[in-house]
N, C-alpha and C. Protein backbone atom coordinates (compact mmCIF):
# COMPACT_ATOMS: atom_id res chain seq x y z
N MET A 1 -15.03 -20.74 19.48
CA MET A 1 -15.26 -19.80 18.40
C MET A 1 -15.44 -20.58 17.10
N ARG A 2 -16.46 -20.20 16.36
CA ARG A 2 -16.71 -20.88 15.09
C ARG A 2 -15.85 -20.30 13.99
N ASN A 3 -15.43 -21.14 13.10
CA ASN A 3 -14.66 -20.70 11.94
C ASN A 3 -15.65 -20.43 10.81
N SER A 4 -15.80 -19.15 10.43
CA SER A 4 -16.77 -18.80 9.41
C SER A 4 -16.29 -19.13 8.01
N MET A 5 -15.00 -19.30 7.83
CA MET A 5 -14.47 -19.65 6.52
C MET A 5 -14.13 -21.13 6.48
N LYS A 6 -14.66 -21.80 5.50
CA LYS A 6 -14.39 -23.22 5.34
C LYS A 6 -13.44 -23.40 4.16
N THR A 7 -12.37 -24.13 4.37
CA THR A 7 -11.41 -24.32 3.29
C THR A 7 -11.95 -25.29 2.27
N ASN A 8 -11.62 -25.03 1.03
CA ASN A 8 -12.06 -25.89 -0.06
C ASN A 8 -11.01 -26.98 -0.24
N GLU A 9 -11.43 -28.22 -0.12
CA GLU A 9 -10.49 -29.32 -0.20
C GLU A 9 -10.28 -29.79 -1.64
N ASN A 10 -11.14 -29.36 -2.54
CA ASN A 10 -11.01 -29.76 -3.94
C ASN A 10 -10.13 -28.73 -4.65
N VAL A 11 -8.88 -29.06 -4.84
CA VAL A 11 -7.93 -28.14 -5.44
C VAL A 11 -7.73 -28.53 -6.89
N MET A 12 -7.83 -27.53 -7.77
CA MET A 12 -7.63 -27.77 -9.20
C MET A 12 -6.13 -27.84 -9.49
N PRO A 13 -5.72 -28.64 -10.44
CA PRO A 13 -4.30 -28.67 -10.80
C PRO A 13 -3.90 -27.35 -11.45
N SER A 14 -2.68 -26.91 -11.22
CA SER A 14 -2.23 -25.63 -11.73
C SER A 14 -1.81 -25.70 -13.20
N ILE A 15 -1.59 -26.87 -13.71
CA ILE A 15 -1.21 -27.03 -15.11
C ILE A 15 -2.41 -27.59 -15.87
N VAL A 16 -2.81 -26.86 -16.90
CA VAL A 16 -3.97 -27.27 -17.69
C VAL A 16 -3.46 -27.77 -19.03
N GLN A 17 -3.96 -28.92 -19.43
CA GLN A 17 -3.53 -29.48 -20.72
C GLN A 17 -4.57 -29.12 -21.78
N LEU A 18 -4.08 -28.59 -22.90
CA LEU A 18 -4.94 -28.21 -24.01
C LEU A 18 -4.55 -28.99 -25.25
N GLU A 19 -5.53 -29.14 -26.11
CA GLU A 19 -5.22 -29.75 -27.40
C GLU A 19 -4.44 -28.74 -28.24
N VAL A 20 -3.69 -29.23 -29.21
CA VAL A 20 -2.83 -28.39 -30.02
C VAL A 20 -3.65 -27.35 -30.78
N GLU A 21 -4.79 -27.73 -31.35
CA GLU A 21 -5.62 -26.80 -32.12
C GLU A 21 -6.18 -25.70 -31.22
N VAL A 22 -6.64 -26.06 -30.05
CA VAL A 22 -7.19 -25.07 -29.12
C VAL A 22 -6.09 -24.10 -28.69
N PHE A 23 -4.92 -24.61 -28.40
CA PHE A 23 -3.80 -23.76 -28.00
C PHE A 23 -3.43 -22.79 -29.12
N ASN A 24 -3.36 -23.29 -30.36
CA ASN A 24 -3.01 -22.44 -31.50
C ASN A 24 -4.06 -21.35 -31.72
N ASN A 25 -5.32 -21.64 -31.51
CA ASN A 25 -6.37 -20.63 -31.66
C ASN A 25 -6.26 -19.56 -30.58
N LEU A 26 -5.84 -19.94 -29.39
CA LEU A 26 -5.73 -18.97 -28.30
C LEU A 26 -4.56 -18.02 -28.48
N VAL A 27 -3.46 -18.50 -29.04
CA VAL A 27 -2.27 -17.67 -29.14
C VAL A 27 -2.05 -17.09 -30.53
N LYS A 28 -3.01 -17.25 -31.42
CA LYS A 28 -2.88 -16.74 -32.79
C LYS A 28 -2.85 -15.21 -32.77
N GLU A 29 -1.94 -14.64 -33.51
CA GLU A 29 -1.81 -13.19 -33.58
C GLU A 29 -2.93 -12.62 -34.43
N VAL A 30 -3.54 -11.56 -33.92
CA VAL A 30 -4.60 -10.89 -34.65
C VAL A 30 -4.08 -9.53 -35.09
N ARG A 31 -4.13 -9.27 -36.35
CA ARG A 31 -3.68 -7.98 -36.87
C ARG A 31 -4.91 -7.11 -37.11
N GLU A 32 -4.88 -5.92 -36.51
CA GLU A 32 -6.00 -4.99 -36.63
C GLU A 32 -5.52 -3.66 -37.16
N THR A 33 -6.40 -2.96 -37.81
CA THR A 33 -6.10 -1.63 -38.31
C THR A 33 -6.70 -0.62 -37.34
N VAL A 34 -5.90 0.32 -36.92
CA VAL A 34 -6.37 1.34 -35.99
C VAL A 34 -6.91 2.50 -36.81
N ALA A 35 -8.13 2.90 -36.50
CA ALA A 35 -8.76 4.02 -37.22
C ALA A 35 -8.16 5.33 -36.74
N THR A 36 -7.71 6.15 -37.66
CA THR A 36 -7.16 7.46 -37.33
C THR A 36 -8.01 8.52 -38.01
N GLY A 37 -8.06 9.69 -37.42
CA GLY A 37 -8.81 10.78 -38.01
C GLY A 37 -10.31 10.70 -37.77
N VAL A 38 -10.75 9.88 -36.85
CA VAL A 38 -12.17 9.73 -36.55
C VAL A 38 -12.48 10.53 -35.29
N ALA A 39 -13.47 11.41 -35.37
CA ALA A 39 -13.85 12.22 -34.21
C ALA A 39 -14.86 11.44 -33.39
N LEU A 40 -14.55 11.22 -32.13
CA LEU A 40 -15.45 10.53 -31.23
C LEU A 40 -16.53 11.49 -30.76
N PRO A 41 -17.71 11.01 -30.43
CA PRO A 41 -18.80 11.92 -30.06
C PRO A 41 -18.56 12.68 -28.76
N GLY A 42 -17.74 12.17 -27.84
CA GLY A 42 -17.55 12.83 -26.55
C GLY A 42 -16.35 13.76 -26.50
N THR A 43 -15.77 14.12 -27.63
CA THR A 43 -14.55 14.92 -27.61
C THR A 43 -14.80 16.41 -27.83
N ARG A 44 -16.05 16.84 -27.85
CA ARG A 44 -16.33 18.26 -28.07
C ARG A 44 -16.02 19.06 -26.81
N LYS A 45 -15.59 20.31 -27.01
CA LYS A 45 -15.33 21.19 -25.89
C LYS A 45 -16.66 21.70 -25.35
N PRO A 46 -16.77 21.89 -24.03
CA PRO A 46 -18.01 22.42 -23.49
C PRO A 46 -18.22 23.87 -23.92
N VAL A 47 -19.45 24.24 -24.14
CA VAL A 47 -19.80 25.58 -24.60
C VAL A 47 -20.28 26.38 -23.40
N PHE A 48 -19.75 27.59 -23.24
CA PHE A 48 -20.19 28.48 -22.16
C PHE A 48 -21.43 29.21 -22.64
N ARG A 49 -22.55 28.98 -21.95
CA ARG A 49 -23.83 29.54 -22.37
C ARG A 49 -24.27 30.64 -21.43
N VAL A 50 -25.33 31.34 -21.80
CA VAL A 50 -25.88 32.42 -20.99
C VAL A 50 -26.39 31.86 -19.65
N ILE A 51 -26.96 30.70 -19.66
CA ILE A 51 -27.47 30.10 -18.43
C ILE A 51 -26.34 29.81 -17.46
N ASP A 52 -25.15 29.51 -17.96
CA ASP A 52 -24.00 29.28 -17.09
C ASP A 52 -23.58 30.57 -16.39
N LEU A 53 -23.58 31.68 -17.14
CA LEU A 53 -23.26 32.98 -16.55
C LEU A 53 -24.29 33.36 -15.49
N TRP A 54 -25.56 33.14 -15.78
CA TRP A 54 -26.63 33.43 -14.84
C TRP A 54 -26.46 32.61 -13.56
N SER A 55 -26.11 31.35 -13.70
CA SER A 55 -25.92 30.47 -12.55
C SER A 55 -24.76 30.94 -11.68
N ILE A 56 -23.66 31.36 -12.30
CA ILE A 56 -22.51 31.86 -11.54
C ILE A 56 -22.89 33.10 -10.75
N GLN A 57 -23.60 34.03 -11.41
CA GLN A 57 -24.02 35.26 -10.74
C GLN A 57 -24.97 34.97 -9.58
N ARG A 58 -25.88 34.04 -9.77
CA ARG A 58 -26.83 33.68 -8.72
C ARG A 58 -26.11 33.09 -7.51
N LYS A 59 -25.12 32.25 -7.75
CA LYS A 59 -24.36 31.65 -6.65
C LYS A 59 -23.58 32.72 -5.89
N MET A 60 -23.03 33.70 -6.61
CA MET A 60 -22.28 34.77 -5.96
C MET A 60 -23.19 35.63 -5.10
N LYS A 61 -24.41 35.91 -5.59
CA LYS A 61 -25.36 36.72 -4.82
C LYS A 61 -25.76 36.01 -3.53
N SER A 62 -26.02 34.71 -3.62
CA SER A 62 -26.42 33.99 -2.41
C SER A 62 -25.27 33.88 -1.42
N ALA A 63 -24.05 33.78 -1.91
CA ALA A 63 -22.88 33.72 -1.02
C ALA A 63 -22.69 35.06 -0.33
N THR A 64 -22.92 36.16 -1.05
CA THR A 64 -22.78 37.50 -0.48
C THR A 64 -23.84 37.72 0.60
N ARG A 65 -25.06 37.30 0.32
CA ARG A 65 -26.14 37.43 1.32
C ARG A 65 -25.81 36.65 2.58
N TYR A 66 -25.28 35.48 2.41
CA TYR A 66 -24.97 34.63 3.56
C TYR A 66 -23.86 35.27 4.41
N SER A 67 -22.85 35.82 3.78
CA SER A 67 -21.74 36.41 4.51
C SER A 67 -22.17 37.71 5.21
N ARG A 68 -23.06 38.47 4.60
CA ARG A 68 -23.55 39.71 5.23
C ARG A 68 -24.43 39.38 6.43
N ARG A 69 -25.20 38.34 6.33
CA ARG A 69 -26.09 37.95 7.42
C ARG A 69 -25.31 37.51 8.65
N ASN A 70 -24.20 36.84 8.45
CA ASN A 70 -23.41 36.31 9.56
C ASN A 70 -22.35 37.30 10.05
N ALA A 71 -22.19 38.43 9.36
CA ALA A 71 -21.15 39.39 9.73
C ALA A 71 -21.53 40.14 11.02
N PHE A 72 -22.81 40.31 11.28
CA PHE A 72 -23.24 41.09 12.46
C PHE A 72 -23.60 40.21 13.59
């Protein structure tokens, strides 16, 4: 049986050495201001329209027809 997975013999060391400046840039605290009171574009409530009512009624009519057809 062939082994489809080949092990990688080149293993990276688990400890990485960084220069002091690079390390300080990576761990530097960033202070940000959170925006409050801003309305996002996707937060509107859905509007019930006439076409939605028509669609519901149409689905109910087709369901009624289907049940009447299979009742006999």
